[in-house]
Amino acid sequence: MTVTVETGAQPVTLTVDTDEALLTERVAAELAAPGGMVDDPAWLGRARRAWSELPAGLTGGLREFRKDSQRTGTMLIHGLPVGGAMLPPTPNRPGSVQREASVSAAVLAMVASGLGDPAAYRPEKTGAIVQDVVPVPGQEDYQSNAGSVLLTFHTENAFHAHRPDFVMLLCLRADHEGVAGLRTACIREVLPLLTEESRQALFSEEFVTAPPPSFGMDGMGAEPHAVLHGAVEDPDICVDLAATEPRTQRAKEAMAELQELFDRTAQTVRLVPGDLAIVDNRVTVHGRTSFRPRYDGQDRWLQRTFVLTDLRRSRGHRDGDGHVLD
């Protein structure tokens, strides 16, 4: 076995060795041949079939995480190919996405196919499957992927009926000072610490979540919902601390306690090139520490892909049974 697996209080970790990384790069490079387009269903089909060509330790570890994301609901994979010296300057325009096939996009598409199916949302970055997470001039204070201030904890697309099951973040380039950190907090760690009063409030439909600015929906709110739902002993969570509003006093107090416990139990990981973070969006919220972009072409650059484990459930939201939800 050339991939090591570490579990416990820390995120599940896979470390890909040199030989496994070379094999992964070879498979990804075939998908990244000139002319390939990431959003083309035929290209995504090739990526889905190429998944089985990846190293057995990597695919096996991902299957285990898909079944059980453990206490932290987060997986870190180290040592993946992302293009290295061939990377262009970090983009800094609003709505930046990866349209043309690349090594990094191929890695994301293949891993997404192992976890479920890659998916995107048409109002966000024009429905691109692989999206750039980069700082954008003039948007430093935004609570979005374009900002560089502290990004508060959130369930990705918490307002949406078919929010992602997994969020994947692949690091192509770290920030200059190496201080930008992915923050995660899992309800499995928080649940035993909640008071009974807060737990009851969080299981009640006393909250409303507005779409993020990137969806351009003018703050239109969703229907009232519970923050916690599902199995009482192992619930799912749906909350965005920047966009979820409590509608009762007890809900407000429960939200304050939840935020304090997120901060108390949070883990912070500073991603370096070749690191892939996978967040189980059903049980884990994520955010980011602040950092200082320079807009010099060498700023922090992550690429993001969403995954749905059961694509069929969202068929009514997808034209032509494609990968993009309206």
Protein backbone atom coordinates (compact mmCIF):
# COMPACT_ATOMS: atom_id res chain seq x y z
CA MET A 1 0.00 0.00 0.00
CA THR A 2 1.55 3.27 -1.10
CA VAL A 3 -1.15 5.52 0.33
CA THR A 4 -1.31 5.92 4.10
CA VAL A 5 -4.55 6.50 5.99
CA GLU A 6 -4.71 8.29 9.33
CA THR A 7 -7.95 8.60 11.28
CA GLY A 8 -8.97 9.88 14.68
CA ALA A 9 -9.66 13.34 16.06
CA GLN A 10 -7.95 14.92 13.06
CA PRO A 11 -9.33 14.87 9.50
CA VAL A 12 -8.99 11.63 7.59
CA THR A 13 -5.66 11.94 5.74
CA LEU A 14 -4.34 10.24 2.61
CA THR A 15 -0.75 10.85 1.56
CA VAL A 16 0.00 9.93 -2.04
CA ASP A 17 3.61 8.87 -2.62
CA THR A 18 5.72 9.72 -5.66
CA ASP A 19 4.83 6.67 -7.74
CA GLU A 20 1.12 7.05 -7.07
CA ALA A 21 1.30 10.76 -7.89
CA LEU A 22 3.01 9.99 -11.21
CA LEU A 23 0.28 7.50 -12.10
CA THR A 24 -2.41 10.01 -11.18
CA GLU A 25 -0.69 12.70 -13.24
CA ARG A 26 -0.47 10.40 -16.26
CA VAL A 27 -4.19 9.64 -16.14
CA ALA A 28 -5.03 13.32 -15.57
CA ALA A 29 -2.76 14.45 -18.40
CA GLU A 30 -4.63 12.25 -20.86
CA LEU A 31 -7.85 14.00 -19.89
CA ALA A 32 -6.10 17.38 -20.08
CA ALA A 33 -5.14 16.97 -23.76
CA PRO A 34 -5.75 20.13 -25.85
CA GLY A 35 -9.33 20.60 -26.94
CA GLY A 36 -10.99 19.09 -23.90
CA MET A 37 -13.69 21.19 -22.26
CA VAL A 38 -14.48 20.58 -18.59
CA ASP A 39 -18.21 21.29 -18.86
CA ASP A 40 -18.71 19.02 -21.85
CA PRO A 41 -20.78 15.97 -20.77
CA ALA A 42 -18.60 13.76 -22.96
CA TRP A 43 -15.44 14.96 -21.18
CA LEU A 44 -17.04 14.40 -17.79
CA GLY A 45 -17.95 10.90 -18.96
CA ARG A 46 -14.30 10.23 -19.80
CA ALA A 47 -13.29 11.47 -16.35
CA ARG A 48 -15.87 9.18 -14.74
CA ARG A 49 -14.45 6.17 -16.56
CA ALA A 50 -10.86 7.20 -15.80
CA TRP A 51 -11.61 7.12 -12.06
CA SER A 52 -10.97 3.37 -12.04
CA GLU A 53 -7.43 3.94 -13.36
CA LEU A 54 -6.36 5.90 -10.28
CA PRO A 55 -4.21 4.24 -7.58
CA ALA A 56 -6.10 1.63 -5.57
CA GLY A 57 -5.14 3.16 -2.24
CA LEU A 58 -6.55 6.51 -3.29
CA THR A 59 -9.82 5.15 -4.66
CA GLY A 60 -10.24 2.82 -1.69
CA GLY A 61 -9.70 5.61 0.82
CA LEU A 62 -12.20 7.84 -0.95
CA ARG A 63 -14.82 5.09 -0.94
CA GLU A 64 -14.37 4.66 2.81
CA PHE A 65 -14.75 8.40 3.38
CA ARG A 66 -17.87 8.50 1.22
CA LYS A 67 -19.43 5.88 3.48
CA ASP A 68 -18.17 7.30 6.78
CA SER A 69 -16.65 10.78 7.02
CA GLN A 70 -15.89 10.14 10.71
CA ARG A 71 -15.70 12.67 13.55
CA THR A 72 -14.53 15.70 11.61
CA GLY A 73 -16.34 15.20 8.30
CA THR A 74 -13.18 16.26 6.48
CA MET A 75 -10.59 14.47 4.36
CA LEU A 76 -7.18 15.80 3.32
CA ILE A 77 -5.29 14.27 0.42
CA HIS A 78 -1.65 15.31 0.06
CA GLY A 79 0.60 15.02 -2.97
CA LEU A 80 -1.81 15.26 -5.92
CA PRO A 81 -0.64 16.70 -9.27
CA VAL A 82 -1.97 20.17 -10.14
CA GLY A 83 0.13 21.30 -13.09
CA GLY A 84 3.21 22.58 -11.26
CA ALA A 85 5.45 24.86 -13.29
CA MET A 86 2.87 24.99 -16.10
CA LEU A 87 0.36 26.92 -14.00
CA PRO A 88 -0.59 30.33 -15.41
CA PRO A 89 -0.83 33.41 -13.17
CA THR A 90 -3.55 33.30 -10.55
CA PRO A 91 -6.71 34.79 -12.07
CA ASN A 92 -8.27 37.73 -10.24
CA ARG A 93 -11.38 38.57 -12.23
CA PRO A 94 -14.90 38.08 -10.83
CA GLY A 95 -16.52 34.76 -11.67
CA SER A 96 -13.30 33.05 -12.77
CA VAL A 97 -13.71 29.39 -13.75
CA GLN A 98 -11.75 26.58 -15.44
CA ARG A 99 -13.35 25.89 -18.82
CA GLU A 100 -10.49 24.21 -20.66
CA ALA A 101 -9.34 20.80 -19.52
CA SER A 102 -6.31 20.84 -17.22
CA VAL A 103 -4.51 18.44 -14.89
CA SER A 104 -6.14 20.00 -11.82
CA ALA A 105 -9.61 19.95 -13.36
CA ALA A 106 -9.14 16.30 -14.34
CA VAL A 107 -8.14 15.39 -10.79
CA LEU A 108 -11.24 17.12 -9.41
CA ALA A 109 -13.56 15.52 -11.96
CA MET A 110 -12.21 12.03 -11.33
CA VAL A 111 -12.39 12.30 -7.55
CA ALA A 112 -15.90 13.77 -7.80
CA SER A 113 -16.92 10.76 -9.89
CA GLY A 114 -15.66 8.46 -7.14
CA LEU A 115 -17.61 10.27 -4.43
CA GLY A 116 -20.78 10.65 -6.52
CA ASP A 117 -21.26 13.02 -9.46
CA PRO A 118 -19.83 16.50 -10.07
CA ALA A 119 -22.48 19.21 -9.98
CA ALA A 120 -22.76 22.98 -10.32
CA TYR A 121 -25.39 25.71 -9.91
CA ARG A 122 -26.23 27.86 -12.91
CA PRO A 123 -26.60 31.16 -10.97
CA GLU A 124 -23.11 30.72 -9.47
CA LYS A 125 -20.18 31.27 -11.81
CA THR A 126 -22.38 30.41 -14.82
CA GLY A 127 -22.68 26.79 -13.74
CA ALA A 128 -19.04 25.82 -14.27
CA ILE A 129 -18.06 22.43 -12.86
CA VAL A 130 -14.57 23.63 -11.81
CA GLN A 131 -14.52 27.07 -10.21
CA ASP A 132 -11.59 29.25 -9.20
CA VAL A 133 -11.49 30.35 -5.57
CA VAL A 134 -9.27 33.41 -5.77
CA PRO A 135 -9.13 36.89 -4.22
CA VAL A 136 -10.69 39.58 -6.41
CA PRO A 137 -9.71 43.28 -6.23
CA GLY A 138 -12.44 45.36 -4.66
CA GLN A 139 -14.15 42.33 -3.09
CA GLU A 140 -11.83 41.86 -0.13
CA ASP A 141 -14.63 42.31 2.43
CA TYR A 142 -17.13 40.03 0.70
CA GLN A 143 -18.44 36.96 2.52
CA SER A 144 -17.79 34.86 -0.58
CA ASN A 145 -15.06 32.88 -2.31
CA ALA A 146 -13.75 36.17 -3.81
CA GLY A 147 -13.03 37.78 -0.44
CA SER A 148 -9.92 37.72 1.71
CA VAL A 149 -11.32 38.70 5.13
CA LEU A 150 -12.40 36.07 7.65
CA LEU A 151 -15.03 33.88 5.96
CA THR A 152 -17.57 32.73 8.54
CA PHE A 153 -18.64 29.13 8.99
CA HIS A 154 -21.28 27.93 6.56
CA THR A 155 -22.91 24.95 4.92
CA GLU A 156 -22.26 25.37 1.20
CA ASN A 157 -25.41 26.66 -0.52
CA ALA A 158 -27.37 26.22 2.69
CA PHE A 159 -30.45 27.84 1.16
CA HIS A 160 -30.73 25.31 -1.70
CA ALA A 161 -32.94 22.22 -1.63
CA HIS A 162 -30.16 20.22 -3.31
CA ARG A 163 -27.03 21.59 -1.69
CA PRO A 164 -23.77 19.67 -2.29
CA ASP A 165 -23.05 16.53 -0.33
CA PHE A 166 -19.31 17.16 -0.62
CA VAL A 167 -17.27 20.29 -1.33
CA MET A 168 -13.81 19.73 -2.82
CA LEU A 169 -11.06 22.36 -2.63
CA LEU A 170 -7.82 21.67 -4.50
CA CYS A 171 -4.86 23.96 -3.77
CA LEU A 172 -2.92 25.08 -6.85
CA ARG A 173 -1.08 27.92 -5.12
CA ALA A 174 -0.84 29.02 -1.47
CA ASP A 175 -1.03 32.64 -0.34
CA HIS A 176 2.25 34.57 -0.13
CA GLU A 177 2.52 34.51 3.65
CA GLY A 178 1.16 31.00 4.15
CA VAL A 179 -1.47 32.16 6.65
CA ALA A 180 -4.75 31.46 4.82
CA GLY A 181 -6.38 28.53 6.57
CA LEU A 182 -9.38 26.36 5.77
CA ARG A 183 -11.47 26.17 8.94
CA THR A 184 -13.88 23.29 9.54
CA ALA A 185 -16.22 22.36 12.38
CA CYS A 186 -18.34 19.20 12.51
CA ILE A 187 -21.70 18.81 14.20
CA ARG A 188 -20.53 15.39 15.41
CA GLU A 189 -18.02 17.16 17.66
CA VAL A 190 -20.44 19.93 18.65
CA LEU A 191 -23.63 17.97 19.34
CA PRO A 192 -22.57 16.52 22.75
CA LEU A 193 -21.63 20.03 23.92
CA LEU A 194 -24.97 21.70 23.13
CA THR A 195 -27.45 22.37 25.89
CA GLU A 196 -30.75 20.54 25.62
CA GLU A 197 -32.56 23.84 25.06
CA SER A 198 -30.32 24.77 22.14
CA ARG A 199 -30.57 21.29 20.66
CA GLN A 200 -34.37 21.48 20.65
CA ALA A 201 -34.32 24.92 19.06
CA LEU A 202 -31.87 23.88 16.35
CA PHE A 203 -34.11 20.93 15.42
CA SER A 204 -37.08 23.32 14.98
CA GLU A 205 -38.02 25.24 11.82
CA GLU A 206 -37.17 28.62 13.31
CA PHE A 207 -34.49 29.80 10.86
CA VAL A 208 -34.34 31.38 7.40
CA THR A 209 -31.26 31.38 5.15
CA ALA A 210 -30.70 33.83 2.30
CA PRO A 211 -28.68 32.93 -0.82
CA PRO A 212 -25.04 34.16 -0.91
CA PRO A 213 -24.15 37.26 -2.97
CA SER A 214 -22.55 35.08 -5.65
CA PHE A 215 -26.03 33.85 -6.65
CA GLY A 216 -27.20 37.38 -7.42
CA MET A 217 -30.66 36.82 -5.95
CA ASP A 218 -30.87 40.11 -4.00
CA GLY A 219 -31.01 38.45 -0.58
CA MET A 220 -34.26 36.59 -1.25
CA GLY A 221 -34.81 34.23 1.66
CA ALA A 222 -35.63 30.53 1.67
CA GLU A 223 -38.47 28.83 3.50
CA PRO A 224 -38.16 28.43 7.29
CA HIS A 225 -36.00 25.47 8.13
CA ALA A 226 -34.28 23.69 11.00
CA VAL A 227 -30.53 23.95 11.44
CA LEU A 228 -30.33 20.29 12.50
CA HIS A 229 -32.35 17.54 10.86
CA GLY A 230 -32.33 13.79 10.40
CA ALA A 231 -31.14 11.29 12.99
CA VAL A 232 -31.19 12.75 16.48
CA GLU A 233 -27.95 10.99 17.42
CA ASP A 234 -26.14 11.93 14.18
CA PRO A 235 -27.96 14.82 12.49
CA ASP A 236 -27.19 16.73 9.33
CA ILE A 237 -26.61 20.46 9.62
CA CYS A 238 -27.72 23.36 7.44
CA VAL A 239 -26.56 26.82 8.48
CA ASP A 240 -24.69 29.87 7.22
CA LEU A 241 -23.58 32.15 10.03
CA ALA A 242 -23.51 35.12 7.63
CA ALA A 243 -26.92 34.42 6.08
CA THR A 244 -29.06 32.34 8.46
CA GLU A 245 -31.43 34.41 10.59
CA PRO A 246 -33.11 33.06 13.76
CA ARG A 247 -36.83 33.90 13.94
CA THR A 248 -37.36 33.42 17.68
CA GLN A 249 -35.48 34.38 20.81
CA ARG A 250 -34.61 30.77 21.66
CA ALA A 251 -33.37 30.27 18.10
CA LYS A 252 -31.16 33.36 18.47
CA GLU A 253 -29.67 32.02 21.69
CA ALA A 254 -29.10 28.60 20.12
CA MET A 255 -27.33 30.17 17.14
CA ALA A 256 -25.02 32.08 19.47
CA GLU A 257 -24.16 28.90 21.36
CA LEU A 258 -23.62 27.01 18.09
CA GLN A 259 -21.23 29.68 16.82
CA GLU A 260 -19.25 29.60 20.06
CA LEU A 261 -18.94 25.82 19.86
CA PHE A 262 -17.89 25.97 16.21
CA ASP A 263 -15.04 28.27 17.21
CA ARG A 264 -14.13 26.07 20.18
CA THR A 265 -13.96 22.82 18.20
CA ALA A 266 -12.75 24.16 14.84
CA GLN A 267 -9.71 22.83 13.03
CA THR A 268 -7.60 24.97 10.72
CA VAL A 269 -5.56 23.56 7.84
CA ARG A 270 -3.21 25.63 5.66
CA LEU A 271 -3.34 24.00 2.25
CA VAL A 272 -0.25 23.79 0.06
CA PRO A 273 -0.10 22.97 -3.67
CA GLY A 274 -1.28 19.42 -4.29
CA ASP A 275 -3.52 19.31 -1.21
CA LEU A 276 -7.17 18.40 -1.75
CA ALA A 277 -9.61 19.10 1.06
CA ILE A 278 -12.96 17.30 0.91
CA VAL A 279 -15.66 18.58 3.26
CA ASP A 280 -18.75 16.49 4.02
CA ASN A 281 -21.22 19.33 3.56
CA ARG A 282 -23.97 17.37 5.30
CA VAL A 283 -22.31 17.40 8.72
CA THR A 284 -19.44 19.90 8.51
CA VAL A 285 -19.35 23.66 8.06
CA HIS A 286 -16.32 25.43 6.68
CA GLY A 287 -14.80 28.89 6.45
CA ARG A 288 -11.43 30.58 5.98
CA THR A 289 -9.04 32.75 7.94
CA SER A 290 -8.12 36.17 6.55
CA PHE A 291 -5.07 36.79 4.35
CA ARG A 292 -3.54 39.64 2.32
CA PRO A 293 -3.63 39.27 -1.46
CA ARG A 294 -1.10 41.14 -3.60
CA TYR A 295 -2.76 40.75 -7.01
CA ASP A 296 0.58 39.99 -8.60
CA GLY A 297 -0.35 36.74 -10.34
CA GLN A 298 0.96 34.60 -7.48
CA ASP A 299 -1.93 34.86 -5.02
CA ARG A 300 -3.73 31.99 -3.36
CA TRP A 301 -5.53 29.81 -5.89
CA LEU A 302 -7.89 26.98 -5.07
CA GLN A 303 -10.19 25.18 -7.47
CA ARG A 304 -13.57 24.00 -6.26
CA THR A 305 -15.99 21.30 -7.37
CA PHE A 306 -19.26 20.23 -5.77
CA VAL A 307 -20.43 16.63 -5.51
CA LEU A 308 -23.92 15.11 -5.24
CA THR A 309 -24.05 11.50 -4.11
CA ASP A 310 -27.47 10.99 -5.73
CA LEU A 311 -27.74 13.15 -8.83
CA ARG A 312 -31.16 11.78 -9.74
CA ARG A 313 -32.85 13.47 -6.78
CA SER A 314 -32.20 16.87 -8.37
CA ARG A 315 -33.33 15.89 -11.89
CA GLY A 316 -36.20 18.39 -11.82
CA HIS A 317 -33.63 21.17 -11.38
CA ARG A 318 -31.34 20.06 -14.24
CA ASP A 319 -31.91 20.56 -17.98
CA GLY A 320 -31.39 17.45 -20.08
CA ASP A 321 -30.30 15.40 -17.05
CA GLY A 322 -27.01 17.30 -17.06
CA HIS A 323 -24.73 18.28 -14.17
CA VAL A 324 -25.93 21.88 -13.71
CA LEU A 325 -28.78 22.79 -11.37
CA ASP A 326 -30.98 25.85 -11.86
